[in-house]
C-alpha atoms as a PDB file:
ATOM      1  CA  MET A   1      27.762  17.714   3.741  1.00  0.00           C
ATOM      2  CA  GLN A   2      26.819  17.589   7.398  1.00  0.00           C
ATOM      3  CA  LEU A   3      23.695  15.584   7.992  1.00  0.00           C
ATOM      4  CA  ARG A   4      22.260  14.305  11.217  1.00  0.00           C
ATOM      5  CA  HIS A   5      19.872  11.486  10.503  1.00  0.00           C
ATOM      6  CA  ARG A   6      17.711  12.433  13.482  1.00  0.00           C
ATOM      7  CA  LEU A   7      17.232  15.986  12.271  1.00  0.00           C
ATOM      8  CA  CYS A   8      15.458  17.452   9.266  1.00  0.00           C
ATOM      9  CA  ALA A   9      14.539  20.902   8.043  1.00  0.00           C
ATOM     10  CA  ALA A  10      11.008  22.155   7.511  1.00  0.00           C
ATOM     11  CA  THR A  11      10.373  25.050   5.188  1.00  0.00           C
ATOM     12  CA  VAL A  12       7.879  27.902   5.388  1.00  0.00           C
ATOM     13  CA  LEU A  13       6.643  27.161   1.867  1.00  0.00           C
ATOM     14  CA  PHE A  14       5.648  23.616   2.757  1.00  0.00           C
ATOM     15  CA  PRO A  15       5.599  23.181   6.537  1.00  0.00           C
ATOM     16  CA  ALA A  16       4.637  19.531   6.144  1.00  0.00           C
ATOM     17  CA  LEU A  17       7.156  18.680   3.447  1.00  0.00           C
ATOM     18  CA  MET A  18       9.281  16.556   5.727  1.00  0.00           C
ATOM     19  CA  PHE A  19       8.215  13.010   6.092  1.00  0.00           C
ATOM     20  CA  ALA A  20       9.833  11.433   9.061  1.00  0.00           C
ATOM     21  CA  GLN A  21       7.878   8.663   9.976  1.00  0.00           C
ATOM     22  CA  THR A  22       1.871   8.592  12.316  1.00  0.00           C
ATOM     23  CA  ALA A  23       0.546   5.762  11.478  1.00  0.00           C
ATOM     24  CA  ALA A  24      -1.538   5.269   8.379  1.00  0.00           C
ATOM     25  CA  PRO A  25      -1.725   2.115   6.325  1.00  0.00           C
ATOM     26  CA  PRO A  26      -0.722   2.266   2.681  1.00  0.00           C
ATOM     27  CA  THR A  27      -3.524   2.717   0.212  1.00  0.00           C
ATOM     28  CA  LYS A  28      -4.756  -0.268  -1.719  1.00  0.00           C
ATOM     29  CA  SER A  29      -3.019   0.979  -4.844  1.00  0.00           C
ATOM     30  CA  ALA A  30       0.349   1.027  -3.080  1.00  0.00           C
ATOM     31  CA  PRO A  31       2.631  -1.927  -3.715  1.00  0.00           C
ATOM     32  CA  SER A  32       3.632  -4.009  -0.745  1.00  0.00           C
ATOM     33  CA  THR A  33       6.575  -2.633   1.214  1.00  0.00           C
ATOM     34  CA  ALA A  34       7.961  -6.142   1.410  1.00  0.00           C
ATOM     35  CA  ALA A  35       8.341  -6.145  -2.356  1.00  0.00           C
ATOM     36  CA  SER A  36      10.938  -3.373  -2.087  1.00  0.00           C
ATOM     37  CA  LEU A  37      13.049  -5.065   0.570  1.00  0.00           C
ATOM     38  CA  GLY A  38      16.424  -6.333  -0.456  1.00  0.00           C
ATOM     39  CA  SER A  39      20.117  -6.000   0.139  1.00  0.00           C
ATOM     40  CA  TYR A  40      21.405  -2.448  -0.251  1.00  0.00           C
ATOM     41  CA  PRO A  41      24.768  -2.140   1.527  1.00  0.00           C
ATOM     42  CA  VAL A  42      25.819   1.406   2.348  1.00  0.00           C
ATOM     43  CA  MET A  43      27.259   3.206  -0.697  1.00  0.00           C
ATOM     44  CA  SER A  44      26.816   0.136  -2.924  1.00  0.00           C
ATOM     45  CA  THR A  45      25.715   0.372  -6.555  1.00  0.00           C
ATOM     46  CA  ALA A  46      22.415  -1.223  -5.542  1.00  0.00           C
ATOM     47  CA  ALA A  47      21.854   1.434  -2.867  1.00  0.00           C
ATOM     48  CA  LYS A  48      22.639   4.256  -5.282  1.00  0.00           C
ATOM     49  CA  ASN A  49      20.280   2.896  -7.947  1.00  0.00           C
ATOM     50  CA  ARG A  50      17.571   2.391  -5.337  1.00  0.00           C
ATOM     51  CA  ALA A  51      17.956   5.996  -4.138  1.00  0.00           C
ATOM     52  CA  ARG A  52      17.576   7.278  -7.705  1.00  0.00           C
ATOM     53  CA  GLN A  53      14.467   5.118  -8.155  1.00  0.00           C
ATOM     54  CA  LEU A  54      12.911   6.523  -4.980  1.00  0.00           C
ATOM     55  CA  PHE A  55      13.675  10.058  -6.122  1.00  0.00           C
ATOM     56  CA  GLU A  56      11.816   9.318  -9.348  1.00  0.00           C
ATOM     57  CA  TYR A  57       8.794   8.238  -7.310  1.00  0.00           C
ATOM     58  CA  PHE A  58       8.985  11.532  -5.415  1.00  0.00           C
ATOM     59  CA  GLU A  59       9.620  13.723  -8.450  1.00  0.00           C
ATOM     60  CA  SER A  60       6.938  12.159 -10.646  1.00  0.00           C
ATOM     61  CA  GLY A  61       4.245  12.228  -7.981  1.00  0.00           C
ATOM     62  CA  GLN A  62       4.065   8.459  -7.476  1.00  0.00           C
ATOM     63  CA  SER A  63       3.176   8.881  -3.818  1.00  0.00           C
ATOM     64  CA  ALA A  64       1.751   5.363  -3.391  1.00  0.00           C
ATOM     65  CA  HIS A  65       5.020   3.756  -4.502  1.00  0.00           C
ATOM     66  CA  LEU A  66       7.034   6.174  -2.373  1.00  0.00           C
ATOM     67  CA  TYR A  67       4.928   5.569   0.742  1.00  0.00           C
ATOM     68  CA  ALA A  68       5.226   1.819   0.271  1.00  0.00           C
ATOM     69  CA  ALA A  69       8.997   2.257   0.477  1.00  0.00           C
ATOM     70  CA  PHE A  70       8.871   4.166   3.782  1.00  0.00           C
ATOM     71  CA  SER A  71      10.405   2.357   6.727  1.00  0.00           C
ATOM     72  CA  GLU A  72       8.025   1.408   9.518  1.00  0.00           C
ATOM     73  CA  GLN A  73       9.429   4.233  11.636  1.00  0.00           C
ATOM     74  CA  MET A  74       8.728   6.709   8.837  1.00  0.00           C
ATOM     75  CA  LYS A  75       5.155   5.448   8.458  1.00  0.00           C
ATOM     76  CA  LYS A  76       4.521   5.754  12.189  1.00  0.00           C
ATOM     77  CA  SER A  77       5.746   9.345  12.381  1.00  0.00           C
ATOM     78  CA  SER A  78       4.497  10.739   9.074  1.00  0.00           C
ATOM     79  CA  GLY A  79       1.039  12.001   8.287  1.00  0.00           C
ATOM     80  CA  GLY A  80       0.296   8.781   6.443  1.00  0.00           C
ATOM     81  CA  SER A  81      -0.245   7.989   2.788  1.00  0.00           C
ATOM     82  CA  VAL A  82      -3.033  10.571   2.413  1.00  0.00           C
ATOM     83  CA  GLN A  83      -0.750  13.318   3.717  1.00  0.00           C
ATOM     84  CA  LEU A  84       2.000  12.263   1.344  1.00  0.00           C
ATOM     85  CA  THR A  85      -0.406  12.296  -1.601  1.00  0.00           C
ATOM     86  CA  THR A  86      -1.624  15.789  -0.652  1.00  0.00           C
ATOM     87  CA  VAL A  87       1.890  17.197  -0.402  1.00  0.00           C
ATOM     88  CA  SER A  88       2.935  15.445  -3.608  1.00  0.00           C
ATOM     89  CA  LYS A  89       0.105  17.164  -5.469  1.00  0.00           C
ATOM     90  CA  LYS A  90       1.051  20.511  -3.953  1.00  0.00           C
ATOM     91  CA  ILE A  91       4.649  20.056  -5.078  1.00  0.00           C
ATOM     92  CA  GLY A  92       3.469  19.326  -8.598  1.00  0.00           C
ATOM     93  CA  SER A  93       1.317  22.450  -8.534  1.00  0.00           C
ATOM     94  CA  GLU A  94       3.908  24.784  -6.970  1.00  0.00           C
ATOM     95  CA  TRP A  95       7.173  23.443  -8.395  1.00  0.00           C
ATOM     96  CA  GLY A  96       6.147  21.356 -11.369  1.00  0.00           C
ATOM     97  CA  ARG A  97       8.416  18.442 -12.215  1.00  0.00           C
ATOM     98  CA  GLU A  98      12.147  18.102 -12.608  1.00  0.00           C
ATOM     99  CA  VAL A  99      13.403  19.338 -15.960  1.00  0.00           C
ATOM    100  CA  LYS A 100      17.131  19.006 -15.328  1.00  0.00           C
ATOM    101  CA  MET A 101      19.404  17.363 -12.793  1.00  0.00           C
ATOM    102  CA  LEU A 102      22.122  19.845 -11.839  1.00  0.00           C
ATOM    103  CA  GLY A 103      24.104  17.471  -9.657  1.00  0.00           C
ATOM    104  CA  GLU A 104      23.959  14.562  -7.259  1.00  0.00           C
ATOM    105  CA  ASN A 105      25.990  13.236  -4.342  1.00  0.00           C
ATOM    106  CA  PHE A 106      26.098  10.071  -2.274  1.00  0.00           C
ATOM    107  CA  ALA A 107      27.445   9.861   1.261  1.00  0.00           C
ATOM    108  CA  PRO A 108      27.389   7.353   4.096  1.00  0.00           C
ATOM    109  CA  ASP A 109      25.299   8.367   7.099  1.00  0.00           C
ATOM    110  CA  MET A 110      27.649   9.087   9.986  1.00  0.00           C
ATOM    111  CA  LEU A 111      25.107   8.020  12.612  1.00  0.00           C
ATOM    112  CA  ALA A 112      23.386   5.045  11.011  1.00  0.00           C
ATOM    113  CA  THR A 113      23.923   2.382   8.354  1.00  0.00           C
ATOM    114  CA  ASN A 114      22.184   4.426   5.662  1.00  0.00           C
ATOM    115  CA  THR A 115      23.148   5.773   2.268  1.00  0.00           C
ATOM    116  CA  ILE A 116      22.343   9.473   1.863  1.00  0.00           C
ATOM    117  CA  TYR A 117      21.456  10.742  -1.595  1.00  0.00           C
ATOM    118  CA  SER A 118      21.466  14.477  -2.321  1.00  0.00           C
ATOM    119  CA  ARG A 119      20.089  15.674  -5.646  1.00  0.00           C
ATOM    120  CA  PHE A 120      20.164  19.219  -6.995  1.00  0.00           C
ATOM    121  CA  SER A 121      17.488  19.824  -9.631  1.00  0.00           C
ATOM    122  CA  GLN A 122      15.772  22.483 -11.659  1.00  0.00           C
ATOM    123  CA  PHE A 123      12.008  22.112 -11.530  1.00  0.00           C
ATOM    124  CA  ALA A 124       9.755  23.591 -14.196  1.00  0.00           C
ATOM    125  CA  LYS A 125       7.893  26.129 -12.036  1.00  0.00           C
ATOM    126  CA  SER A 126      10.499  26.904  -9.376  1.00  0.00           C
ATOM    127  CA  LYS A 127      12.755  29.930  -9.671  1.00  0.00           C
ATOM    128  CA  ASP A 128      15.325  28.366  -7.342  1.00  0.00           C
ATOM    129  CA  PRO A 129      16.823  24.903  -7.781  1.00  0.00           C
ATOM    130  CA  ILE A 130      15.416  22.209  -5.503  1.00  0.00           C
ATOM    131  CA  CYS A 131      17.632  20.248  -3.138  1.00  0.00           C
ATOM    132  CA  THR A 132      16.281  16.792  -2.286  1.00  0.00           C
ATOM    133  CA  ILE A 133      17.845  14.575   0.359  1.00  0.00           C
ATOM    134  CA  LEU A 134      16.937  10.912   0.676  1.00  0.00           C
ATOM    135  CA  ALA A 135      18.387   8.455   3.160  1.00  0.00           C
ATOM    136  CA  ILE A 136      17.819   4.764   2.547  1.00  0.00           C
ATOM    137  CA  ASP A 137      18.595   1.896   4.871  1.00  0.00           C
ATOM    138  CA  GLN A 138      20.143  -1.424   3.930  1.00  0.00           C
ATOM    139  CA  GLN A 139      16.705  -2.853   3.132  1.00  0.00           C
ATOM    140  CA  GLY A 140      16.133  -0.152   0.532  1.00  0.00           C
ATOM    141  CA  GLN A 141      13.562   1.699   2.625  1.00  0.00           C
ATOM    142  CA  VAL A 142      13.279   5.471   3.001  1.00  0.00           C
ATOM    143  CA  ALA A 143      14.722   6.510   6.367  1.00  0.00           C
ATOM    144  CA  LEU A 144      14.615  10.261   5.676  1.00  0.00           C
ATOM    145  CA  LEU A 145      13.137  12.531   3.030  1.00  0.00           C
ATOM    146  CA  HIS A 146      13.763  16.260   2.825  1.00  0.00           C
ATOM    147  CA  PHE A 147      13.252  18.735   0.008  1.00  0.00           C
ATOM    148  CA  GLN A 148      13.463  22.499  -0.236  1.00  0.00           C
ATOM    149  CA  PRO A 149      14.328  25.332  -2.604  1.00  0.00           C
ATOM    150  CA  ALA A 150      18.040  26.124  -2.550  1.00  0.00           C
ATOM    151  CA  PRO A 151      18.598  29.807  -3.344  1.00  0.00           C
ATOM    152  CA  GLN A 152      22.034  30.853  -4.463  1.00  0.00           C
ATOM    153  CA  PRO A 153      24.409  32.054  -1.720  1.00  0.00           C
ATOM    154  CA  SER A 154      24.255  35.765  -1.016  1.00  0.00           C
ATOM    155  CA  GLY A 155      26.521  37.705  -3.331  1.00  0.00           C
ATOM    156  CA  ASN A 156      30.070  38.517  -2.354  1.00  0.00           C
ATOM    157  CA  ARG A 157      33.353  38.806  -4.188  1.00  0.00           C
ATOM    158  CA  PHE A 158      34.223  35.154  -3.599  1.00  0.00           C
ATOM    159  CA  VAL A 159      31.056  33.508  -4.941  1.00  0.00           C
ATOM    160  CA  ASP A 160      32.412  33.071  -8.463  1.00  0.00           C
ATOM    161  CA  TYR A 161      36.049  32.713  -7.463  1.00  0.00           C
ATOM    162  CA  LYS A 162      38.054  30.208  -9.499  1.00  0.00           C
ATOM    163  CA  ASP A 163      41.399  28.839  -8.365  1.00  0.00           C
ATOM    164  CA  THR A 164      44.343  30.163 -10.358  1.00  0.00           C
ATOM    165  CA  THR A 165      47.021  28.335  -8.385  1.00  0.00           C
ATOM    166  CA  LYS A 166      47.543  24.604  -8.585  1.00  0.00           C
ATOM    167  CA  LEU A 167      46.876  23.215  -5.138  1.00  0.00           C
ATOM    168  CA  ARG A 168      47.770  19.886  -3.584  1.00  0.00           C
ATOM    169  CA  LEU A 169      46.434  18.304  -0.420  1.00  0.00           C
ATOM    170  CA  PRO A 170      49.092  17.286   2.121  1.00  0.00           C
ATOM    171  CA  PHE A 171      48.263  13.573   1.831  1.00  0.00           C
ATOM    172  CA  ASP A 172      47.945  10.873  -0.810  1.00  0.00           C
ATOM    173  CA  GLY A 173      45.400   8.200  -1.635  1.00  0.00           C
ATOM    174  CA  ASP A 174      41.633   8.322  -1.928  1.00  0.00           C
ATOM    175  CA  TRP A 175      39.770  10.418   0.613  1.00  0.00           C
ATOM    176  CA  PHE A 176      36.084  11.147   1.032  1.00  0.00           C
ATOM    177  CA  VAL A 177      35.163  14.813   1.592  1.00  0.00           C
ATOM    178  CA  TYR A 178      32.013  14.736   3.707  1.00  0.00           C
ATOM    179  CA  ASN A 179      31.338  18.454   3.818  1.00  0.00           C
ATOM    180  CA  GLY A 180      32.671  20.705   1.066  1.00  0.00           C
ATOM    181  CA  GLY A 181      31.670  22.766  -1.929  1.00  0.00           C
ATOM    182  CA  ARG A 182      29.793  25.970  -2.678  1.00  0.00           C
ATOM    183  CA  ASP A 183      26.324  24.543  -3.257  1.00  0.00           C
ATOM    184  CA  ILE A 184      23.862  23.634  -0.535  1.00  0.00           C
ATOM    185  CA  TYR A 185      23.571  20.083  -1.819  1.00  0.00           C
ATOM    186  CA  GLN A 186      27.347  19.697  -1.433  1.00  0.00           C
ATOM    187  CA  ASN A 187      27.822  21.773   1.689  1.00  0.00           C
ATOM    188  CA  SER A 188      24.700  22.485   3.717  1.00  0.00           C
ATOM    189  CA  PRO A 189      26.185  25.306   5.854  1.00  0.00           C
ATOM    190  CA  THR A 190      26.858  27.406   2.734  1.00  0.00           C
ATOM    191  CA  VAL A 191      23.347  28.808   2.874  1.00  0.00           C
ATOM    192  CA  LYS A 192      21.875  29.836   6.205  1.00  0.00           C
ATOM    193  CA  GLN A 193      18.192  30.224   5.525  1.00  0.00           C
ATOM    194  CA  SER A 194      16.006  32.062   8.003  1.00  0.00           C
ATOM    195  CA  VAL A 195      12.995  30.103   6.740  1.00  0.00           C
ATOM    196  CA  THR A 196      14.502  26.804   7.849  1.00  0.00           C
ATOM    197  CA  ARG A 197      14.147  25.343  11.305  1.00  0.00           C
ATOM    198  CA  LEU A 198      15.185  21.979  12.665  1.00  0.00           C
ATOM    199  CA  CYS A 199      12.673  19.379  13.678  1.00  0.00           C
ATOM    200  CA  SER A 200      13.286  16.040  15.337  1.00  0.00           C
ATOM    201  CA  LEU A 201      12.718  12.751  13.576  1.00  0.00           C
ATOM    202  CA  SER A 202      13.120  10.675  16.697  1.00  0.00           C
END
């Protein structure tokens, strides 16, 4: 999937859903950010487990824990812990909570030393699956957070196509496919949504 760590998408449904990084101190109930710091090399097991943990904070509405894990850059550019709490409550009201994970992917950030976690989920109140993208740095902090409904691609005769011929790639060994697949969480260009616009995180 093509991701640029300096860009994120904002949706019409929740125009403030993206948390990039404006200063507001964590609430008293939030654990210290320092407590979350550690060694999370890109694509390591530790990084993957940390990304799943941060998703659980997001999905379950634990905004204080999630905000505490924001990088300093994220905290400076976001609406602060109060904004995060407000949006978290709105998500719970509009989408409910995750009832089933439909898929997940991990990829190295091409422009920074981050691990990018994409999760495709069915939420209780949402008609469309939800695609969540988290990028964490090597200290285990949130460097990017993006979430939006992911409607199915527009219908055409190839949407449900299944290969009937055995295919082989013209090379051997292990290769990492960075952008491929039919779902938005696997291949972001598969769905061009008019409600989505790019906004800068820099």
